[in-house]
Amino acid sequence: MRVRGIVQSAELAEDPGGSDRVEMILWVQGVGRDQPRRLVIPFELLLQDSSLDPENVCGHGFQAEVDEAEPGRWIIREVGFASGRVLRGDSEEES
């Protein structure tokens, strides 16, 4: 499934806990209805790109191919991030 949106937050976590396998968990917004809001970048993809860091992806737009590995666990197969952060102006300032 292809999803796109904005990364609200990201963190590194061990999977399974206590192991040397680290994955990145993304909480996203802007994906379509009935699409996942929590995505996992697996250890193998993190090894391929050292620039994948939680601080570098927060606030950026993304597009990804994801598969549901088990109920509620969506694994990213391929991901791309926008180069700039997504910024929105305050609508109340407009007059």
PDB file of N, CA and C in Angstrom:
ATOM      1  N   MET A   1       0.843  -1.163   0.000  1.00  0.00           N
ATOM      2  CA  MET A   1       0.000   0.000   0.000  1.00  0.00           C
ATOM      3  C   MET A   1       0.892   1.231   0.000  1.00  0.00           C
ATOM      4  N   ARG A   2       0.538   2.225  -0.803  1.00  0.00           N
ATOM      5  CA  ARG A   2       1.293   3.483  -0.836  1.00  0.00           C
ATOM      6  C   ARG A   2       0.582   4.474   0.079  1.00  0.00           C
ATOM      7  N   VAL A   3       1.353   5.088   0.975  1.00  0.00           N
ATOM      8  CA  VAL A   3       0.828   6.117   1.872  1.00  0.00           C
ATOM      9  C   VAL A   3       1.721   7.346   1.787  1.00  0.00           C
ATOM     10  N   ARG A   4       1.134   8.491   2.074  1.00  0.00           N
ATOM     11  CA  ARG A   4       1.903   9.732   2.122  1.00  0.00           C
ATOM     12  C   ARG A   4       1.298  10.632   3.178  1.00  0.00           C
ATOM     13  N   GLY A   5       2.120  11.464   3.759  1.00  0.00           N
ATOM     14  CA  GLY A   5       1.670  12.361   4.813  1.00  0.00           C
ATOM     15  C   GLY A   5       2.844  13.111   5.396  1.00  0.00           C
ATOM     16  N   ILE A   6       2.726  13.458   6.690  1.00  0.00           N
ATOM     17  CA  ILE A   6       3.746  14.218   7.405  1.00  0.00           C
ATOM     18  C   ILE A   6       4.116  13.449   8.667  1.00  0.00           C
ATOM     19  N   VAL A   7       5.406  13.380   8.948  1.00  0.00           N
ATOM     20  CA  VAL A   7       5.876  12.694  10.154  1.00  0.00           C
ATOM     21  C   VAL A   7       5.669  13.629  11.347  1.00  0.00           C
ATOM     22  N   GLN A   8       4.800  13.219  12.283  1.00  0.00           N
ATOM     23  CA  GLN A   8       4.564  14.004  13.496  1.00  0.00           C
ATOM     24  C   GLN A   8       5.668  13.766  14.517  1.00  0.00           C
ATOM     25  N   SER A   9       6.038  12.503  14.720  1.00  0.00           N
ATOM     26  CA  SER A   9       7.118  12.180  15.655  1.00  0.00           C
ATOM     27  C   SER A   9       7.761  10.869  15.230  1.00  0.00           C
ATOM     28  N   ALA A  10       8.978  10.662  15.717  1.00  0.00           N
ATOM     29  CA  ALA A  10       9.731   9.456  15.386  1.00  0.00           C
ATOM     30  C   ALA A  10      10.625   9.104  16.559  1.00  0.00           C
ATOM     31  N   GLU A  11      10.852   7.799  16.741  1.00  0.00           N
ATOM     32  CA  GLU A  11      11.757   7.352  17.800  1.00  0.00           C
ATOM     33  C   GLU A  11      12.388   6.036  17.394  1.00  0.00           C
ATOM     34  N   LEU A  12      13.570   5.773  17.949  1.00  0.00           N
ATOM     35  CA  LEU A  12      14.244   4.493  17.746  1.00  0.00           C
ATOM     36  C   LEU A  12      13.821   3.559  18.870  1.00  0.00           C
ATOM     37  N   ALA A  13      13.640   2.281  18.533  1.00  0.00           N
ATOM     38  CA  ALA A  13      13.250   1.276  19.529  1.00  0.00           C
ATOM     39  C   ALA A  13      13.911  -0.041  19.170  1.00  0.00           C
ATOM     40  N   GLU A  14      14.191  -0.851  20.186  1.00  0.00           N
ATOM     41  CA  GLU A  14      14.736  -2.190  19.942  1.00  0.00           C
ATOM     42  C   GLU A  14      13.585  -3.139  19.647  1.00  0.00           C
ATOM     43  N   ASP A  15      13.792  -4.030  18.684  1.00  0.00           N
ATOM     44  CA  ASP A  15      12.780  -5.038  18.363  1.00  0.00           C
ATOM     45  C   ASP A  15      13.476  -6.354  18.069  1.00  0.00           C
ATOM     46  N   PRO A  16      13.292  -7.358  18.862  1.00  0.00           N
ATOM     47  CA  PRO A  16      12.581  -7.334  20.145  1.00  0.00           C
ATOM     48  C   PRO A  16      13.412  -6.625  21.201  1.00  0.00           C
ATOM     49  N   GLY A  17      12.763  -6.223  22.288  1.00  0.00           N
ATOM     50  CA  GLY A  17      13.443  -5.509  23.368  1.00  0.00           C
ATOM     51  C   GLY A  17      14.657  -6.279  23.868  1.00  0.00           C
ATOM     52  N   GLY A  18      15.749  -5.568  24.137  1.00  0.00           N
ATOM     53  CA  GLY A  18      16.967  -6.200  24.625  1.00  0.00           C
ATOM     54  C   GLY A  18      17.852  -6.780  23.537  1.00  0.00           C
ATOM     55  N   SER A  19      17.485  -6.590  22.279  1.00  0.00           N
ATOM     56  CA  SER A  19      18.287  -7.127  21.180  1.00  0.00           C
ATOM     57  C   SER A  19      19.129  -6.009  20.564  1.00  0.00           C
ATOM     58  N   ASP A  20      19.921  -6.356  19.558  1.00  0.00           N
ATOM     59  CA  ASP A  20      20.721  -5.365  18.838  1.00  0.00           C
ATOM     60  C   ASP A  20      19.986  -4.838  17.607  1.00  0.00           C
ATOM     61  N   ARG A  21      18.767  -5.297  17.383  1.00  0.00           N
ATOM     62  CA  ARG A  21      17.985  -4.838  16.221  1.00  0.00           C
ATOM     63  C   ARG A  21      17.214  -3.580  16.597  1.00  0.00           C
ATOM     64  N   VAL A  22      17.495  -2.511  15.897  1.00  0.00           N
ATOM     65  CA  VAL A  22      16.832  -1.237  16.147  1.00  0.00           C
ATOM     66  C   VAL A  22      15.951  -0.919  14.948  1.00  0.00           C
ATOM     67  N   GLU A  23      14.781  -0.370  15.233  1.00  0.00           N
ATOM     68  CA  GLU A  23      13.895   0.084  14.175  1.00  0.00           C
ATOM     69  C   GLU A  23      13.435   1.493  14.528  1.00  0.00           C
ATOM     70  N   MET A  24      12.935   2.208  13.541  1.00  0.00           N
ATOM     71  CA  MET A  24      12.419   3.545  13.778  1.00  0.00           C
ATOM     72  C   MET A  24      10.904   3.498  13.663  1.00  0.00           C
ATOM     73  N   ILE A  25      10.232   4.017  14.680  1.00  0.00           N
ATOM     74  CA  ILE A  25       8.778   4.087  14.690  1.00  0.00           C
ATOM     75  C   ILE A  25       8.380   5.502  14.285  1.00  0.00           C
ATOM     76  N   LEU A  26       7.514   5.614  13.276  1.00  0.00           N
ATOM     77  CA  LEU A  26       7.012   6.912  12.825  1.00  0.00           C
ATOM     78  C   LEU A  26       5.539   7.029  13.163  1.00  0.00           C
ATOM     79  N   TRP A  27       5.137   8.136  13.755  1.00  0.00           N
ATOM     80  CA  TRP A  27       3.722   8.463  13.919  1.00  0.00           C
ATOM     81  C   TRP A  27       3.450   9.541  12.895  1.00  0.00           C
ATOM     82  N   VAL A  28       2.453   9.309  12.035  1.00  0.00           N
ATOM     83  CA  VAL A  28       2.244  10.169  10.880  1.00  0.00           C
ATOM     84  C   VAL A  28       0.827  10.734  10.850  1.00  0.00           C
ATOM     85  N   GLN A  29       0.686  11.829  10.140  1.00  0.00           N
ATOM     86  CA  GLN A  29      -0.633  12.423   9.913  1.00  0.00           C
ATOM     87  C   GLN A  29      -0.789  12.678   8.425  1.00  0.00           C
ATOM     88  N   GLY A  30      -2.017  12.860   8.002  1.00  0.00           N
ATOM     89  CA  GLY A  30      -2.282  13.187   6.618  1.00  0.00           C
ATOM     90  C   GLY A  30      -2.463  11.983   5.719  1.00  0.00           C
ATOM     91  N   VAL A  31      -2.370  10.787   6.272  1.00  0.00           N
ATOM     92  CA  VAL A  31      -2.629   9.604   5.471  1.00  0.00           C
ATOM     93  C   VAL A  31      -4.134   9.468   5.307  1.00  0.00           C
ATOM     94  N   GLY A  32      -4.549   8.694   4.337  1.00  0.00           N
ATOM     95  CA  GLY A  32      -5.972   8.546   4.070  1.00  0.00           C
ATOM     96  C   GLY A  32      -6.716   7.777   5.147  1.00  0.00           C
ATOM     97  N   ARG A  33      -8.035   7.882   5.080  1.00  0.00           N
ATOM     98  CA  ARG A  33      -8.894   7.161   6.007  1.00  0.00           C
ATOM     99  C   ARG A  33      -8.629   5.665   5.898  1.00  0.00           C
ATOM    100  N   ASP A  34      -8.669   4.976   7.013  1.00  0.00           N
ATOM    101  CA  ASP A  34      -8.413   3.536   7.075  1.00  0.00           C
ATOM    102  C   ASP A  34      -6.981   3.165   6.722  1.00  0.00           C
ATOM    103  N   GLN A  35      -6.054   4.120   6.759  1.00  0.00           N
ATOM    104  CA  GLN A  35      -4.643   3.826   6.541  1.00  0.00           C
ATOM    105  C   GLN A  35      -3.907   3.929   7.870  1.00  0.00           C
ATOM    106  N   PRO A  36      -2.766   3.275   7.983  1.00  0.00           N
ATOM    107  CA  PRO A  36      -2.040   3.256   9.254  1.00  0.00           C
ATOM    108  C   PRO A  36      -1.525   4.628   9.660  1.00  0.00           C
ATOM    109  N   ARG A  37      -1.457   4.860  10.962  1.00  0.00           N
ATOM    110  CA  ARG A  37      -0.926   6.102  11.514  1.00  0.00           C
ATOM    111  C   ARG A  37       0.429   5.870  12.183  1.00  0.00           C
ATOM    112  N   ARG A  38       0.781   4.599  12.374  1.00  0.00           N
ATOM    113  CA  ARG A  38       2.056   4.225  12.998  1.00  0.00           C
ATOM    114  C   ARG A  38       2.768   3.290  12.028  1.00  0.00           C
ATOM    115  N   LEU A  39       3.971   3.682  11.602  1.00  0.00           N
ATOM    116  CA  LEU A  39       4.740   2.918  10.624  1.00  0.00           C
ATOM    117  C   LEU A  39       6.101   2.571  11.203  1.00  0.00           C
ATOM    118  N   VAL A  40       6.670   1.471  10.728  1.00  0.00           N
ATOM    119  CA  VAL A  40       7.966   1.003  11.226  1.00  0.00           C
ATOM    120  C   VAL A  40       8.970   0.971  10.074  1.00  0.00           C
ATOM    121  N   ILE A  41      10.114   1.644  10.284  1.00  0.00           N
ATOM    122  CA  ILE A  41      11.237   1.508   9.354  1.00  0.00           C
ATOM    123  C   ILE A  41      12.123   0.414   9.936  1.00  0.00           C
ATOM    124  N   PRO A  42      12.245  -0.724   9.246  1.00  0.00           N
ATOM    125  CA  PRO A  42      13.004  -1.849   9.802  1.00  0.00           C
ATOM    126  C   PRO A  42      14.514  -1.603   9.832  1.00  0.00           C
ATOM    127  N   PHE A  43      15.176  -2.403  10.634  1.00  0.00           N
ATOM    128  CA  PHE A  43      16.618  -2.352  10.837  1.00  0.00           C
ATOM    129  C   PHE A  43      17.374  -2.335   9.505  1.00  0.00           C
ATOM    130  N   GLU A  44      16.963  -3.164   8.567  1.00  0.00           N
ATOM    131  CA  GLU A  44      17.669  -3.283   7.282  1.00  0.00           C
ATOM    132  C   GLU A  44      17.673  -1.964   6.509  1.00  0.00           C
ATOM    133  N   LEU A  45      16.545  -1.239   6.520  1.00  0.00           N
ATOM    134  CA  LEU A  45      16.507   0.055   5.826  1.00  0.00           C
ATOM    135  C   LEU A  45      17.339   1.101   6.565  1.00  0.00           C
ATOM    136  N   LEU A  46      17.334   1.048   7.893  1.00  0.00           N
ATOM    137  CA  LEU A  46      18.151   1.993   8.660  1.00  0.00           C
ATOM    138  C   LEU A  46      19.631   1.812   8.352  1.00  0.00           C
ATOM    139  N   LEU A  47      20.058   0.565   8.134  1.00  0.00           N
ATOM    140  CA  LEU A  47      21.459   0.295   7.797  1.00  0.00           C
ATOM    141  C   LEU A  47      21.835   0.849   6.427  1.00  0.00           C
ATOM    142  N   GLN A  48      20.874   0.899   5.515  1.00  0.00           N
ATOM    143  CA  GLN A  48      21.143   1.371   4.155  1.00  0.00           C
ATOM    144  C   GLN A  48      21.344   2.878   4.070  1.00  0.00           C
ATOM    145  N   ASP A  49      20.774   3.638   5.017  1.00  0.00           N
ATOM    146  CA  ASP A  49      20.855   5.095   4.951  1.00  0.00           C
ATOM    147  C   ASP A  49      21.132   5.668   6.337  1.00  0.00           C
ATOM    148  N   SER A  50      22.363   6.091   6.559  1.00  0.00           N
ATOM    149  CA  SER A  50      22.753   6.600   7.878  1.00  0.00           C
ATOM    150  C   SER A  50      22.114   7.950   8.203  1.00  0.00           C
ATOM    151  N   SER A  51      21.522   8.616   7.215  1.00  0.00           N
ATOM    152  CA  SER A  51      20.878   9.901   7.480  1.00  0.00           C
ATOM    153  C   SER A  51      19.487   9.738   8.091  1.00  0.00           C
ATOM    154  N   LEU A  52      18.965   8.510   8.121  1.00  0.00           N
ATOM    155  CA  LEU A  52      17.659   8.281   8.737  1.00  0.00           C
ATOM    156  C   LEU A  52      17.803   8.398  10.252  1.00  0.00           C
ATOM    157  N   ASP A  53      17.336   9.503  10.774  1.00  0.00           N
ATOM    158  CA  ASP A  53      17.456   9.808  12.191  1.00  0.00           C
ATOM    159  C   ASP A  53      16.126  10.439  12.612  1.00  0.00           C
ATOM    160  N   PRO A  54      15.618  10.108  13.788  1.00  0.00           N
ATOM    161  CA  PRO A  54      14.329  10.665  14.217  1.00  0.00           C
ATOM    162  C   PRO A  54      14.268  12.190  14.134  1.00  0.00           C
ATOM    163  N   GLU A  55      15.342  12.873  14.508  1.00  0.00           N
ATOM    164  CA  GLU A  55      15.349  14.336  14.459  1.00  0.00           C
ATOM    165  C   GLU A  55      15.321  14.866  13.035  1.00  0.00           C
ATOM    166  N   ASN A  56      15.869  14.106  12.089  1.00  0.00           N
ATOM    167  CA  ASN A  56      15.923  14.555  10.697  1.00  0.00           C
ATOM    168  C   ASN A  56      14.615  14.374   9.952  1.00  0.00           C
ATOM    169  N   VAL A  57      13.742  13.471  10.393  1.00  0.00           N
ATOM    170  CA  VAL A  57      12.519  13.190   9.639  1.00  0.00           C
ATOM    171  C   VAL A  57      11.277  13.855  10.220  1.00  0.00           C
ATOM    172  N   CYS A  58      11.308  14.263  11.489  1.00  0.00           N
ATOM    173  CA  CYS A  58      10.135  14.901  12.105  1.00  0.00           C
ATOM    174  C   CYS A  58       9.783  16.193  11.377  1.00  0.00           C
ATOM    175  N   GLY A  59       8.505  16.345  11.073  1.00  0.00           N
ATOM    176  CA  GLY A  59       8.030  17.541  10.395  1.00  0.00           C
ATOM    177  C   GLY A  59       8.172  17.498   8.887  1.00  0.00           C
ATOM    178  N   HIS A  60       8.722  16.420   8.355  1.00  0.00           N
ATOM    179  CA  HIS A  60       8.915  16.301   6.912  1.00  0.00           C
ATOM    180  C   HIS A  60       7.795  15.481   6.286  1.00  0.00           C
ATOM    181  N   GLY A  61       7.461  15.830   5.058  1.00  0.00           N
ATOM    182  CA  GLY A  61       6.534  15.027   4.293  1.00  0.00           C
ATOM    183  C   GLY A  61       7.215  13.731   3.899  1.00  0.00           C
ATOM    184  N   PHE A  62       6.417  12.705   3.653  1.00  0.00           N
ATOM    185  CA  PHE A  62       6.982  11.420   3.253  1.00  0.00           C
ATOM    186  C   PHE A  62       6.024  10.722   2.302  1.00  0.00           C
ATOM    187  N   GLN A  63       6.564   9.751   1.611  1.00  0.00           N
ATOM    188  CA  GLN A  63       5.804   8.836   0.767  1.00  0.00           C
ATOM    189  C   GLN A  63       6.425   7.472   0.969  1.00  0.00           C
ATOM    190  N   ALA A  64       5.592   6.445   1.190  1.00  0.00           N
ATOM    191  CA  ALA A  64       6.141   5.125   1.495  1.00  0.00           C
ATOM    192  C   ALA A  64       5.275   4.015   0.933  1.00  0.00           C
ATOM    193  N   GLU A  65       5.928   2.898   0.682  1.00  0.00           N
ATOM    194  CA  GLU A  65       5.253   1.634   0.379  1.00  0.00           C
ATOM    195  C   GLU A  65       5.290   0.828   1.663  1.00  0.00           C
ATOM    196  N   VAL A  66       4.142   0.386   2.147  1.00  0.00           N
ATOM    197  CA  VAL A  66       4.072  -0.345   3.413  1.00  0.00           C
ATOM    198  C   VAL A  66       3.294  -1.642   3.249  1.00  0.00           C
ATOM    199  N   ASP A  67       3.628  -2.608   4.101  1.00  0.00           N
ATOM    200  CA  ASP A  67       2.927  -3.888   4.172  1.00  0.00           C
ATOM    201  C   ASP A  67       2.553  -4.138   5.619  1.00  0.00           C
ATOM    202  N   GLU A  68       1.397  -4.751   5.841  1.00  0.00           N
ATOM    203  CA  GLU A  68       0.996  -5.110   7.197  1.00  0.00           C
ATOM    204  C   GLU A  68       1.602  -6.474   7.519  1.00  0.00           C
ATOM    205  N   ALA A  69       2.630  -6.464   8.388  1.00  0.00           N
ATOM    206  CA  ALA A  69       3.339  -7.691   8.750  1.00  0.00           C
ATOM    207  C   ALA A  69       2.503  -8.549   9.692  1.00  0.00           C
ATOM    208  N   GLU A  70       1.783  -7.917  10.575  1.00  0.00           N
ATOM    209  CA  GLU A  70       0.851  -8.558  11.497  1.00  0.00           C
ATOM    210  C   GLU A  70      -0.184  -7.498  11.825  1.00  0.00           C
ATOM    211  N   PRO A  71      -1.314  -7.853  12.380  1.00  0.00           N
ATOM    212  CA  PRO A  71      -2.350  -6.843  12.620  1.00  0.00           C
ATOM    213  C   PRO A  71      -1.823  -5.639  13.407  1.00  0.00           C
ATOM    214  N   GLY A  72      -1.963  -4.454  12.804  1.00  0.00           N
ATOM    215  CA  GLY A  72      -1.547  -3.219  13.449  1.00  0.00           C
ATOM    216  C   GLY A  72      -0.070  -2.889  13.345  1.00  0.00           C
ATOM    217  N   ARG A  73       0.730  -3.731  12.682  1.00  0.00           N
ATOM    218  CA  ARG A  73       2.175  -3.478  12.536  1.00  0.00           C
ATOM    219  C   ARG A  73       2.484  -3.308  11.055  1.00  0.00           C
ATOM    220  N   TRP A  74       2.671  -2.059  10.654  1.00  0.00           N
ATOM    221  CA  TRP A  74       2.908  -1.713   9.257  1.00  0.00           C
ATOM    222  C   TRP A  74       4.389  -1.456   9.035  1.00  0.00           C
ATOM    223  N   ILE A  75       5.001  -2.257   8.176  1.00  0.00           N
ATOM    224  CA  ILE A  75       6.437  -2.194   7.895  1.00  0.00           C
ATOM    225  C   ILE A  75       6.663  -1.465   6.569  1.00  0.00           C
ATOM    226  N   ILE A  76       7.576  -0.524   6.592  1.00  0.00           N
ATOM    227  CA  ILE A  76       7.920   0.233   5.388  1.00  0.00           C
ATOM    228  C   ILE A  76       8.890  -0.575   4.539  1.00  0.00           C
ATOM    229  N   ARG A  77       8.562  -0.719   3.253  1.00  0.00           N
ATOM    230  CA  ARG A  77       9.462  -1.376   2.301  1.00  0.00           C
ATOM    231  C   ARG A  77      10.337  -0.354   1.588  1.00  0.00           C
ATOM    232  N   GLU A  78       9.761   0.821   1.356  1.00  0.00           N
ATOM    233  CA  GLU A  78      10.448   1.880   0.616  1.00  0.00           C
ATOM    234  C   GLU A  78       9.903   3.207   1.138  1.00  0.00           C
ATOM    235  N   VAL A  79      10.796   4.183   1.347  1.00  0.00           N
ATOM    236  CA  VAL A  79      10.342   5.469   1.874  1.00  0.00           C
ATOM    237  C   VAL A  79      11.176   6.600   1.297  1.00  0.00           C
ATOM    238  N   GLY A  80      10.525   7.723   1.085  1.00  0.00           N
ATOM    239  CA  GLY A  80      11.198   8.943   0.669  1.00  0.00           C
ATOM    240  C   GLY A  80      10.690  10.092   1.513  1.00  0.00           C
ATOM    241  N   PHE A  81      11.585  11.000   1.875  1.00  0.00           N
ATOM    242  CA  PHE A  81      11.218  12.144   2.693  1.00  0.00           C
ATOM    243  C   PHE A  81      11.452  13.424   1.906  1.00  0.00           C
ATOM    244  N   ALA A  82      10.599  14.415   2.114  1.00  0.00           N
ATOM    245  CA  ALA A  82      10.784  15.728   1.501  1.00  0.00           C
ATOM    246  C   ALA A  82      12.024  16.376   2.106  1.00  0.00           C
ATOM    247  N   SER A  83      12.669  17.222   1.346  1.00  0.00           N
ATOM    248  CA  SER A  83      13.916  17.815   1.822  1.00  0.00           C
ATOM    249  C   SER A  83      13.696  18.909   2.857  1.00  0.00           C
ATOM    250  N   GLY A  84      12.552  19.561   2.834  1.00  0.00           N
ATOM    251  CA  GLY A  84      12.292  20.633   3.801  1.00  0.00           C
ATOM    252  C   GLY A  84      11.171  20.280   4.750  1.00  0.00           C
ATOM    253  N   ARG A  85      11.166  20.938   5.891  1.00  0.00           N
ATOM    254  CA  ARG A  85      10.094  20.726   6.864  1.00  0.00           C
ATOM    255  C   ARG A  85       8.812  21.347   6.328  1.00  0.00           C
ATOM    256  N   VAL A  86       7.693  20.784   6.721  1.00  0.00           N
ATOM    257  CA  VAL A  86       6.396  21.311   6.332  1.00  0.00           C
ATOM    258  C   VAL A  86       6.026  22.404   7.326  1.00  0.00           C
ATOM    259  N   LEU A  87       5.814  23.601   6.825  1.00  0.00           N
ATOM    260  CA  LEU A  87       5.488  24.729   7.690  1.00  0.00           C
ATOM    261  C   LEU A  87       4.097  25.245   7.322  1.00  0.00           C
ATOM    262  N   ARG A  88       3.357  25.630   8.346  1.00  0.00           N
ATOM    263  CA  ARG A  88       2.041  26.210   8.107  1.00  0.00           C
ATOM    264  C   ARG A  88       1.956  27.526   8.853  1.00  0.00           C
ATOM    265  N   GLY A  89       1.409  28.537   8.201  1.00  0.00           N
ATOM    266  CA  GLY A  89       1.220  29.822   8.860  1.00  0.00           C
ATOM    267  C   GLY A  89       0.000  29.781   9.762  1.00  0.00           C
ATOM    268  N   ASP A  90      -0.070  30.725  10.675  1.00  0.00           N
ATOM    269  CA  ASP A  90      -1.214  30.833  11.583  1.00  0.00           C
ATOM    270  C   ASP A  90      -2.336  31.523  10.814  1.00  0.00           C
ATOM    271  N   SER A  91      -3.451  30.847  10.612  1.00  0.00           N
ATOM    272  CA  SER A  91      -4.562  31.371   9.800  1.00  0.00           C
ATOM    273  C   SER A  91      -5.198  32.593  10.442  1.00  0.00           C
ATOM    274  N   GLU A  92      -5.077  32.787  11.759  1.00  0.00           N
ATOM    275  CA  GLU A  92      -5.681  33.937  12.420  1.00  0.00           C
ATOM    276  C   GLU A  92      -4.911  35.229  12.120  1.00  0.00           C
ATOM    277  N   GLU A  93      -3.657  35.118  11.701  1.00  0.00           N
ATOM    278  CA  GLU A  93      -2.867  36.310  11.399  1.00  0.00           C
ATOM    279  C   GLU A  93      -3.286  36.935  10.082  1.00  0.00           C
ATOM    280  N   GLU A  94      -3.936  36.149   9.220  1.00  0.00           N
ATOM    281  CA  GLU A  94      -4.368  36.664   7.924  1.00  0.00           C
ATOM    282  C   GLU A  94      -5.562  37.578   8.127  1.00  0.00           C
ATOM    283  N   SER A  95      -5.525  38.762   7.523  1.00  0.00           N
ATOM    284  CA  SER A  95      -6.678  39.644   7.653  1.00  0.00           C
ATOM    285  C   SER A  95      -7.086  40.248   6.349  1.00  0.00           C
TER     286      SER A  95
END
